[in-house]
Amino acid sequence: MSTETITRPATIRKIAPRYRVLLHNDDHNSMEYVVESLMQVVNGLTQPQAVDIMMAAHASGCALVITCVQEHAEFYCEGLQSKGLTSTIEPEE
């Protein structure tokens, strides 16, 4: 009697590329509105974190909001845009 060993090819998981969600400086909305909008759109974002993001965008013209998979990045970007904020995504380098 012979015993056969069945070997399966190893499953290789590719890590999904990550994208950066960027908030651009906004001269139209109040700082308070931008902070509130960030906290409403990005679950788990605390007020101090939202203030830091808003201030970074105000000071340098653009700030990193979050880095995540493309589908989530698009969702966050569209959510910010729906609040009247300027947001874009770019691949993480």
PDB file of N, CA and C in Angstrom:
ATOM      1  N   MET A   1       0.838  -1.158   0.000  1.00  0.00           N
ATOM      2  CA  MET A   1       0.000   0.000   0.000  1.00  0.00           C
ATOM      3  C   MET A   1       0.896   1.237   0.000  1.00  0.00           C
ATOM      4  N   SER A   2       0.585   2.163  -0.893  1.00  0.00           N
ATOM      5  CA  SER A   2       1.405   3.368  -0.985  1.00  0.00           C
ATOM      6  C   SER A   2       0.632   4.570  -0.443  1.00  0.00           C
ATOM      7  N   THR A   3       1.378   5.497   0.085  1.00  0.00           N
ATOM      8  CA  THR A   3       0.773   6.712   0.624  1.00  0.00           C
ATOM      9  C   THR A   3       1.165   7.859  -0.285  1.00  0.00           C
ATOM     10  N   GLU A   4       0.145   8.607  -0.723  1.00  0.00           N
ATOM     11  CA  GLU A   4       0.417   9.756  -1.582  1.00  0.00           C
ATOM     12  C   GLU A   4       0.344  11.035  -0.758  1.00  0.00           C
ATOM     13  N   THR A   5       1.238  11.906  -1.045  1.00  0.00           N
ATOM     14  CA  THR A   5       1.222  13.201  -0.388  1.00  0.00           C
ATOM     15  C   THR A   5       0.711  14.216  -1.396  1.00  0.00           C
ATOM     16  N   ILE A   6      -0.321  14.907  -1.005  1.00  0.00           N
ATOM     17  CA  ILE A   6      -0.869  15.931  -1.892  1.00  0.00           C
ATOM     18  C   ILE A   6      -0.283  17.270  -1.461  1.00  0.00           C
ATOM     19  N   THR A   7       0.353  17.922  -2.402  1.00  0.00           N
ATOM     20  CA  THR A   7       0.911  19.235  -2.098  1.00  0.00           C
ATOM     21  C   THR A   7       0.101  20.293  -2.837  1.00  0.00           C
ATOM     22  N   ARG A   8      -0.191  21.336  -2.135  1.00  0.00           N
ATOM     23  CA  ARG A   8      -0.921  22.449  -2.734  1.00  0.00           C
ATOM     24  C   ARG A   8       0.047  23.604  -2.928  1.00  0.00           C
ATOM     25  N   PRO A   9      -0.140  24.318  -4.017  1.00  0.00           N
ATOM     26  CA  PRO A   9       0.734  25.480  -4.185  1.00  0.00           C
ATOM     27  C   PRO A   9       0.495  26.472  -3.040  1.00  0.00           C
ATOM     28  N   ALA A  10       1.542  27.072  -2.592  1.00  0.00           N
ATOM     29  CA  ALA A  10       1.429  28.052  -1.508  1.00  0.00           C
ATOM     30  C   ALA A  10       0.608  29.242  -1.983  1.00  0.00           C
ATOM     31  N   THR A  11      -0.278  29.676  -1.140  1.00  0.00           N
ATOM     32  CA  THR A  11      -1.077  30.854  -1.460  1.00  0.00           C
ATOM     33  C   THR A  11      -0.250  32.084  -1.120  1.00  0.00           C
ATOM     34  N   ILE A  12      -0.097  32.917  -2.097  1.00  0.00           N
ATOM     35  CA  ILE A  12       0.662  34.147  -1.891  1.00  0.00           C
ATOM     36  C   ILE A  12      -0.331  35.293  -1.888  1.00  0.00           C
ATOM     37  N   ARG A  13      -0.388  35.974  -0.778  1.00  0.00           N
ATOM     38  CA  ARG A  13      -1.287  37.119  -0.678  1.00  0.00           C
ATOM     39  C   ARG A  13      -0.521  38.380  -1.033  1.00  0.00           C
ATOM     40  N   LYS A  14      -1.061  39.098  -1.974  1.00  0.00           N
ATOM     41  CA  LYS A  14      -0.462  40.384  -2.309  1.00  0.00           C
ATOM     42  C   LYS A  14      -1.076  41.435  -1.401  1.00  0.00           C
ATOM     43  N   ILE A  15      -0.247  42.273  -0.890  1.00  0.00           N
ATOM     44  CA  ILE A  15      -0.738  43.367  -0.060  1.00  0.00           C
ATOM     45  C   ILE A  15      -1.322  44.429  -0.984  1.00  0.00           C
ATOM     46  N   ALA A  16      -2.553  44.801  -0.694  1.00  0.00           N
ATOM     47  CA  ALA A  16      -3.216  45.806  -1.520  1.00  0.00           C
ATOM     48  C   ALA A  16      -2.448  47.122  -1.429  1.00  0.00           C
ATOM     49  N   PRO A  17      -2.274  47.776  -2.557  1.00  0.00           N
ATOM     50  CA  PRO A  17      -1.581  49.072  -2.518  1.00  0.00           C
ATOM     51  C   PRO A  17      -2.361  50.056  -1.653  1.00  0.00           C
ATOM     52  N   ARG A  18      -1.635  50.893  -0.961  1.00  0.00           N
ATOM     53  CA  ARG A  18      -2.273  51.852  -0.062  1.00  0.00           C
ATOM     54  C   ARG A  18      -2.262  53.244  -0.688  1.00  0.00           C
ATOM     55  N   TYR A  19      -3.245  54.019  -0.302  1.00  0.00           N
ATOM     56  CA  TYR A  19      -3.415  55.370  -0.843  1.00  0.00           C
ATOM     57  C   TYR A  19      -3.499  56.371   0.290  1.00  0.00           C
ATOM     58  N   ARG A  20      -2.982  57.550   0.002  1.00  0.00           N
ATOM     59  CA  ARG A  20      -3.018  58.642   0.977  1.00  0.00           C
ATOM     60  C   ARG A  20      -4.191  59.556   0.647  1.00  0.00           C
ATOM     61  N   VAL A  21      -5.002  59.867   1.645  1.00  0.00           N
ATOM     62  CA  VAL A  21      -6.095  60.825   1.495  1.00  0.00           C
ATOM     63  C   VAL A  21      -5.557  62.174   1.960  1.00  0.00           C
ATOM     64  N   LEU A  22      -5.635  63.157   1.101  1.00  0.00           N
ATOM     65  CA  LEU A  22      -5.072  64.474   1.395  1.00  0.00           C
ATOM     66  C   LEU A  22      -6.181  65.517   1.520  1.00  0.00           C
ATOM     67  N   LEU A  23      -6.018  66.396   2.478  1.00  0.00           N
ATOM     68  CA  LEU A  23      -6.909  67.540   2.652  1.00  0.00           C
ATOM     69  C   LEU A  23      -6.141  68.779   2.220  1.00  0.00           C
ATOM     70  N   HIS A  24      -6.755  69.561   1.352  1.00  0.00           N
ATOM     71  CA  HIS A  24      -6.102  70.779   0.867  1.00  0.00           C
ATOM     72  C   HIS A  24      -6.632  71.982   1.639  1.00  0.00           C
ATOM     73  N   ASN A  25      -5.809  73.018   1.729  1.00  0.00           N
ATOM     74  CA  ASN A  25      -6.183  74.220   2.470  1.00  0.00           C
ATOM     75  C   ASN A  25      -7.503  74.768   1.950  1.00  0.00           C
ATOM     76  N   ASP A  26      -8.289  75.296   2.851  1.00  0.00           N
ATOM     77  CA  ASP A  26      -9.634  75.752   2.539  1.00  0.00           C
ATOM     78  C   ASP A  26      -9.817  77.165   3.094  1.00  0.00           C
ATOM     79  N   ASP A  27     -10.026  78.117   2.203  1.00  0.00           N
ATOM     80  CA  ASP A  27     -10.239  79.493   2.637  1.00  0.00           C
ATOM     81  C   ASP A  27     -11.726  79.843   2.718  1.00  0.00           C
ATOM     82  N   HIS A  28     -12.596  78.877   2.435  1.00  0.00           N
ATOM     83  CA  HIS A  28     -14.035  79.152   2.367  1.00  0.00           C
ATOM     84  C   HIS A  28     -14.784  78.722   3.622  1.00  0.00           C
ATOM     85  N   ASN A  29     -14.375  77.612   4.238  1.00  0.00           N
ATOM     86  CA  ASN A  29     -15.073  77.101   5.417  1.00  0.00           C
ATOM     87  C   ASN A  29     -14.312  77.456   6.689  1.00  0.00           C
ATOM     88  N   SER A  30     -15.062  77.551   7.794  1.00  0.00           N
ATOM     89  CA  SER A  30     -14.416  77.859   9.071  1.00  0.00           C
ATOM     90  C   SER A  30     -13.562  76.681   9.518  1.00  0.00           C
ATOM     91  N   MET A  31     -12.579  76.977  10.353  1.00  0.00           N
ATOM     92  CA  MET A  31     -11.719  75.922  10.884  1.00  0.00           C
ATOM     93  C   MET A  31     -12.552  74.910  11.679  1.00  0.00           C
ATOM     94  N   GLU A  32     -13.536  75.399  12.423  1.00  0.00           N
ATOM     95  CA  GLU A  32     -14.403  74.517  13.211  1.00  0.00           C
ATOM     96  C   GLU A  32     -15.168  73.565  12.302  1.00  0.00           C
ATOM     97  N   TYR A  33     -15.660  74.085  11.164  1.00  0.00           N
ATOM     98  CA  TYR A  33     -16.401  73.246  10.219  1.00  0.00           C
ATOM     99  C   TYR A  33     -15.507  72.153   9.636  1.00  0.00           C
ATOM    100  N   VAL A  34     -14.280  72.511   9.298  1.00  0.00           N
ATOM    101  CA  VAL A  34     -13.337  71.533   8.740  1.00  0.00           C
ATOM    102  C   VAL A  34     -13.062  70.436   9.767  1.00  0.00           C
ATOM    103  N   VAL A  35     -12.848  70.806  11.016  1.00  0.00           N
ATOM    104  CA  VAL A  35     -12.583  69.834  12.078  1.00  0.00           C
ATOM    105  C   VAL A  35     -13.790  68.902  12.248  1.00  0.00           C
ATOM    106  N   GLU A  36     -14.993  69.475  12.327  1.00  0.00           N
ATOM    107  CA  GLU A  36     -16.211  68.672  12.476  1.00  0.00           C
ATOM    108  C   GLU A  36     -16.388  67.730  11.287  1.00  0.00           C
ATOM    109  N   SER A  37     -16.150  68.228  10.087  1.00  0.00           N
ATOM    110  CA  SER A  37     -16.299  67.411   8.884  1.00  0.00           C
ATOM    111  C   SER A  37     -15.321  66.241   8.883  1.00  0.00           C
ATOM    112  N   LEU A  38     -14.077  66.497   9.263  1.00  0.00           N
ATOM    113  CA  LEU A  38     -13.085  65.428   9.343  1.00  0.00           C
ATOM    114  C   LEU A  38     -13.540  64.335  10.308  1.00  0.00           C
ATOM    115  N   MET A  39     -14.049  64.729  11.463  1.00  0.00           N
ATOM    116  CA  MET A  39     -14.467  63.751  12.470  1.00  0.00           C
ATOM    117  C   MET A  39     -15.708  62.984  12.020  1.00  0.00           C
ATOM    118  N   GLN A  40     -16.585  63.620  11.246  1.00  0.00           N
ATOM    119  CA  GLN A  40     -17.783  62.939  10.750  1.00  0.00           C
ATOM    120  C   GLN A  40     -17.449  61.943   9.649  1.00  0.00           C
ATOM    121  N   VAL A  41     -16.500  62.281   8.801  1.00  0.00           N
ATOM    122  CA  VAL A  41     -16.181  61.442   7.644  1.00  0.00           C
ATOM    123  C   VAL A  41     -15.245  60.286   8.014  1.00  0.00           C
ATOM    124  N   VAL A  42     -14.244  60.557   8.834  1.00  0.00           N
ATOM    125  CA  VAL A  42     -13.237  59.544   9.174  1.00  0.00           C
ATOM    126  C   VAL A  42     -13.543  58.991  10.569  1.00  0.00           C
ATOM    127  N   ASN A  43     -14.125  57.803  10.598  1.00  0.00           N
ATOM    128  CA  ASN A  43     -14.489  57.179  11.871  1.00  0.00           C
ATOM    129  C   ASN A  43     -13.266  57.025  12.763  1.00  0.00           C
ATOM    130  N   GLY A  44     -13.428  57.339  14.026  1.00  0.00           N
ATOM    131  CA  GLY A  44     -12.344  57.146  14.980  1.00  0.00           C
ATOM    132  C   GLY A  44     -11.377  58.303  15.084  1.00  0.00           C
ATOM    133  N   LEU A  45     -11.539  59.302  14.239  1.00  0.00           N
ATOM    134  CA  LEU A  45     -10.652  60.461  14.297  1.00  0.00           C
ATOM    135  C   LEU A  45     -11.067  61.331  15.486  1.00  0.00           C
ATOM    136  N   THR A  46     -10.126  61.597  16.360  1.00  0.00           N
ATOM    137  CA  THR A  46     -10.434  62.413  17.546  1.00  0.00           C
ATOM    138  C   THR A  46     -10.368  63.897  17.192  1.00  0.00           C
ATOM    139  N   GLN A  47     -10.925  64.717  18.059  1.00  0.00           N
ATOM    140  CA  GLN A  47     -10.881  66.156  17.806  1.00  0.00           C
ATOM    141  C   GLN A  47      -9.451  66.675  17.740  1.00  0.00           C
ATOM    142  N   PRO A  48      -8.560  66.285  18.670  1.00  0.00           N
ATOM    143  CA  PRO A  48      -7.169  66.772  18.548  1.00  0.00           C
ATOM    144  C   PRO A  48      -6.515  66.340  17.227  1.00  0.00           C
ATOM    145  N   GLN A  49      -6.796  65.130  16.770  1.00  0.00           N
ATOM    146  CA  GLN A  49      -6.225  64.677  15.493  1.00  0.00           C
ATOM    147  C   GLN A  49      -6.780  65.516  14.344  1.00  0.00           C
ATOM    148  N   ALA A  50      -8.088  65.755  14.357  1.00  0.00           N
ATOM    149  CA  ALA A  50      -8.720  66.556  13.301  1.00  0.00           C
ATOM    150  C   ALA A  50      -8.178  67.979  13.296  1.00  0.00           C
ATOM    151  N   VAL A  51      -7.967  68.539  14.490  1.00  0.00           N
ATOM    152  CA  VAL A  51      -7.396  69.895  14.581  1.00  0.00           C
ATOM    153  C   VAL A  51      -5.982  69.906  13.996  1.00  0.00           C
ATOM    154  N   ASP A  52      -5.192  68.892  14.323  1.00  0.00           N
ATOM    155  CA  ASP A  52      -3.825  68.803  13.785  1.00  0.00           C
ATOM    156  C   ASP A  52      -3.835  68.741  12.262  1.00  0.00           C
ATOM    157  N   ILE A  53      -4.737  67.940  11.690  1.00  0.00           N
ATOM    158  CA  ILE A  53      -4.827  67.808  10.229  1.00  0.00           C
ATOM    159  C   ILE A  53      -5.232  69.143   9.610  1.00  0.00           C
ATOM    160  N   MET A  54      -6.252  69.775  10.186  1.00  0.00           N
ATOM    161  CA  MET A  54      -6.717  71.055   9.666  1.00  0.00           C
ATOM    162  C   MET A  54      -5.614  72.102   9.728  1.00  0.00           C
ATOM    163  N   MET A  55      -4.887  72.154  10.857  1.00  0.00           N
ATOM    164  CA  MET A  55      -3.816  73.146  10.998  1.00  0.00           C
ATOM    165  C   MET A  55      -2.661  72.871  10.037  1.00  0.00           C
ATOM    166  N   ALA A  56      -2.356  71.599   9.814  1.00  0.00           N
ATOM    167  CA  ALA A  56      -1.288  71.255   8.863  1.00  0.00           C
ATOM    168  C   ALA A  56      -1.676  71.695   7.451  1.00  0.00           C
ATOM    169  N   ALA A  57      -2.940  71.462   7.077  1.00  0.00           N
ATOM    170  CA  ALA A  57      -3.400  71.890   5.750  1.00  0.00           C
ATOM    171  C   ALA A  57      -3.373  73.412   5.656  1.00  0.00           C
ATOM    172  N   HIS A  58      -3.763  74.079   6.713  1.00  0.00           N
ATOM    173  CA  HIS A  58      -3.780  75.543   6.736  1.00  0.00           C
ATOM    174  C   HIS A  58      -2.366  76.107   6.612  1.00  0.00           C
ATOM    175  N   ALA A  59      -1.414  75.486   7.307  1.00  0.00           N
ATOM    176  CA  ALA A  59      -0.043  75.990   7.334  1.00  0.00           C
ATOM    177  C   ALA A  59       0.735  75.663   6.065  1.00  0.00           C
ATOM    178  N   SER A  60       0.540  74.459   5.529  1.00  0.00           N
ATOM    179  CA  SER A  60       1.384  74.039   4.395  1.00  0.00           C
ATOM    180  C   SER A  60       0.617  73.843   3.088  1.00  0.00           C
ATOM    181  N   GLY A  61      -0.695  74.027   3.115  1.00  0.00           N
ATOM    182  CA  GLY A  61      -1.465  73.917   1.879  1.00  0.00           C
ATOM    183  C   GLY A  61      -2.081  72.547   1.654  1.00  0.00           C
ATOM    184  N   CYS A  62      -1.555  71.526   2.344  1.00  0.00           N
ATOM    185  CA  CYS A  62      -2.039  70.165   2.142  1.00  0.00           C
ATOM    186  C   CYS A  62      -1.630  69.322   3.349  1.00  0.00           C
ATOM    187  N   ALA A  63      -2.512  68.402   3.762  1.00  0.00           N
ATOM    188  CA  ALA A  63      -2.188  67.564   4.913  1.00  0.00           C
ATOM    189  C   ALA A  63      -2.679  66.145   4.694  1.00  0.00           C
ATOM    190  N   LEU A  64      -1.949  65.194   5.262  1.00  0.00           N
ATOM    191  CA  LEU A  64      -2.338  63.786   5.210  1.00  0.00           C
ATOM    192  C   LEU A  64      -3.462  63.544   6.208  1.00  0.00           C
ATOM    193  N   VAL A  65      -4.571  62.971   5.729  1.00  0.00           N
ATOM    194  CA  VAL A  65      -5.696  62.643   6.599  1.00  0.00           C
ATOM    195  C   VAL A  65      -5.560  61.204   7.092  1.00  0.00           C
ATOM    196  N   ILE A  66      -5.379  60.271   6.148  1.00  0.00           N
ATOM    197  CA  ILE A  66      -5.300  58.853   6.483  1.00  0.00           C
ATOM    198  C   ILE A  66      -4.673  58.116   5.303  1.00  0.00           C
ATOM    199  N   THR A  67      -4.057  56.985   5.585  1.00  0.00           N
ATOM    200  CA  THR A  67      -3.518  56.113   4.545  1.00  0.00           C
ATOM    201  C   THR A  67      -4.240  54.775   4.664  1.00  0.00           C
ATOM    202  N   CYS A  68      -4.799  54.304   3.546  1.00  0.00           N
ATOM    203  CA  CYS A  68      -5.593  53.075   3.586  1.00  0.00           C
ATOM    204  C   CYS A  68      -5.697  52.488   2.175  1.00  0.00           C
ATOM    205  N   VAL A  69      -6.426  51.379   2.039  1.00  0.00           N
ATOM    206  CA  VAL A  69      -6.602  50.769   0.715  1.00  0.00           C
ATOM    207  C   VAL A  69      -7.413  51.710  -0.170  1.00  0.00           C
ATOM    208  N   GLN A  70      -7.307  51.533  -1.476  1.00  0.00           N
ATOM    209  CA  GLN A  70      -7.884  52.476  -2.433  1.00  0.00           C
ATOM    210  C   GLN A  70      -9.387  52.682  -2.240  1.00  0.00           C
ATOM    211  N   GLU A  71     -10.128  51.598  -2.033  1.00  0.00           N
ATOM    212  CA  GLU A  71     -11.580  51.719  -1.902  1.00  0.00           C
ATOM    213  C   GLU A  71     -11.964  52.617  -0.719  1.00  0.00           C
ATOM    214  N   HIS A  72     -11.286  52.430   0.409  1.00  0.00           N
ATOM    215  CA  HIS A  72     -11.555  53.265   1.579  1.00  0.00           C
ATOM    216  C   HIS A  72     -11.097  54.699   1.339  1.00  0.00           C
ATOM    217  N   ALA A  73      -9.946  54.859   0.689  1.00  0.00           N
ATOM    218  CA  ALA A  73      -9.435  56.205   0.398  1.00  0.00           C
ATOM    219  C   ALA A  73     -10.423  56.981  -0.470  1.00  0.00           C
ATOM    220  N   GLU A  74     -10.975  56.313  -1.476  1.00  0.00           N
ATOM    221  CA  GLU A  74     -11.959  56.978  -2.341  1.00  0.00           C
ATOM    222  C   GLU A  74     -13.198  57.369  -1.541  1.00  0.00           C
ATOM    223  N   PHE A  75     -13.622  56.484  -0.631  1.00  0.00           N
ATOM    224  CA  PHE A  75     -14.787  56.750   0.213  1.00  0.00           C
ATOM    225  C   PHE A  75     -14.551  57.985   1.079  1.00  0.00           C
ATOM    226  N   TYR A  76     -13.393  58.043   1.741  1.00  0.00           N
ATOM    227  CA  TYR A  76     -13.080  59.188   2.599  1.00  0.00           C
ATOM    228  C   TYR A  76     -12.961  60.472   1.783  1.00  0.00           C
ATOM    229  N   CYS A  77     -12.294  60.380   0.647  1.00  0.00           N
ATOM    230  CA  CYS A  77     -12.113  61.550  -0.215  1.00  0.00           C
ATOM    231  C   CYS A  77     -13.475  62.092  -0.665  1.00  0.00           C
ATOM    232  N   GLU A  78     -14.350  61.203  -1.121  1.00  0.00           N
ATOM    233  CA  GLU A  78     -15.681  61.628  -1.571  1.00  0.00           C
ATOM    234  C   GLU A  78     -16.491  62.198  -0.415  1.00  0.00           C
ATOM    235  N   GLY A  79     -16.336  61.612   0.775  1.00  0.00           N
ATOM    236  CA  GLY A  79     -17.036  62.125   1.947  1.00  0.00           C
ATOM    237  C   GLY A  79     -16.615  63.542   2.280  1.00  0.00           C
ATOM    238  N   LEU A  80     -15.311  63.799   2.221  1.00  0.00           N
ATOM    239  CA  LEU A  80     -14.810  65.152   2.490  1.00  0.00           C
ATOM    240  C   LEU A  80     -15.286  66.129   1.415  1.00  0.00           C
ATOM    241  N   GLN A  81     -15.255  65.677   0.162  1.00  0.00           N
ATOM    242  CA  GLN A  81     -15.713  66.530  -0.936  1.00  0.00           C
ATOM    243  C   GLN A  81     -17.198  66.852  -0.792  1.00  0.00           C
ATOM    244  N   SER A  82     -17.983  65.886  -0.313  1.00  0.00           N
ATOM    245  CA  SER A  82     -19.425  66.122  -0.142  1.00  0.00           C
ATOM    246  C   SER A  82     -19.703  67.170   0.935  1.00  0.00           C
ATOM    247  N   LYS A  83     -18.727  67.394   1.812  1.00  0.00           N
ATOM    248  CA  LYS A  83     -18.841  68.426   2.841  1.00  0.00           C
ATOM    249  C   LYS A  83     -18.325  69.776   2.337  1.00  0.00           C
ATOM    250  N   GLY A  84     -17.920  69.829   1.069  1.00  0.00           N
ATOM    251  CA  GLY A  84     -17.434  71.065   0.491  1.00  0.00           C
ATOM    252  C   GLY A  84     -15.949  71.296   0.691  1.00  0.00           C
ATOM    253  N   LEU A  85     -15.225  70.254   1.106  1.00  0.00           N
ATOM    254  CA  LEU A  85     -13.779  70.378   1.318  1.00  0.00           C
ATOM    255  C   LEU A  85     -13.041  69.858   0.086  1.00  0.00           C
ATOM    256  N   THR A  86     -11.838  70.341  -0.118  1.00  0.00           N
ATOM    257  CA  THR A  86     -11.020  69.890  -1.230  1.00  0.00           C
ATOM    258  C   THR A  86     -10.136  68.752  -0.742  1.00  0.00           C
ATOM    259  N   SER A  87     -10.328  67.578  -1.357  1.00  0.00           N
ATOM    260  CA  SER A  87      -9.584  66.395  -0.964  1.00  0.00           C
ATOM    261  C   SER A  87      -9.197  65.603  -2.203  1.00  0.00           C
ATOM    262  N   THR A  88      -8.022  64.995  -2.150  1.00  0.00           N
ATOM    263  CA  THR A  88      -7.559  64.136  -3.248  1.00  0.00           C
ATOM    264  C   THR A  88      -6.932  62.897  -2.642  1.00  0.00           C
ATOM    265  N   ILE A  89      -6.703  61.888  -3.505  1.00  0.00           N
ATOM    266  CA  ILE A  89      -5.953  60.712  -3.058  1.00  0.00           C
ATOM    267  C   ILE A  89      -4.758  60.528  -3.976  1.00  0.00           C
ATOM    268  N   GLU A  90      -3.735  59.879  -3.446  1.00  0.00           N
ATOM    269  CA  GLU A  90      -2.553  59.561  -4.239  1.00  0.00           C
ATOM    270  C   GLU A  90      -1.981  58.255  -3.710  1.00  0.00           C
ATOM    271  N   PRO A  91      -1.329  57.470  -4.583  1.00  0.00           N
ATOM    272  CA  PRO A  91      -0.711  56.225  -4.108  1.00  0.00           C
ATOM    273  C   PRO A  91       0.365  56.511  -3.075  1.00  0.00           C
ATOM    274  N   GLU A  92       0.449  55.644  -2.080  1.00  0.00           N
ATOM    275  CA  GLU A  92       1.512  55.763  -1.087  1.00  0.00           C
ATOM    276  C   GLU A  92       2.811  55.325  -1.750  1.00  0.00           C
ATOM    277  N   GLU A  93       3.878  56.032  -1.479  1.00  0.00           N
ATOM    278  CA  GLU A  93       5.158  55.682  -2.121  1.00  0.00           C
ATOM    279  C   GLU A  93       6.002  54.809  -1.252  1.00  0.00           C
TER     280      GLU A  93
END
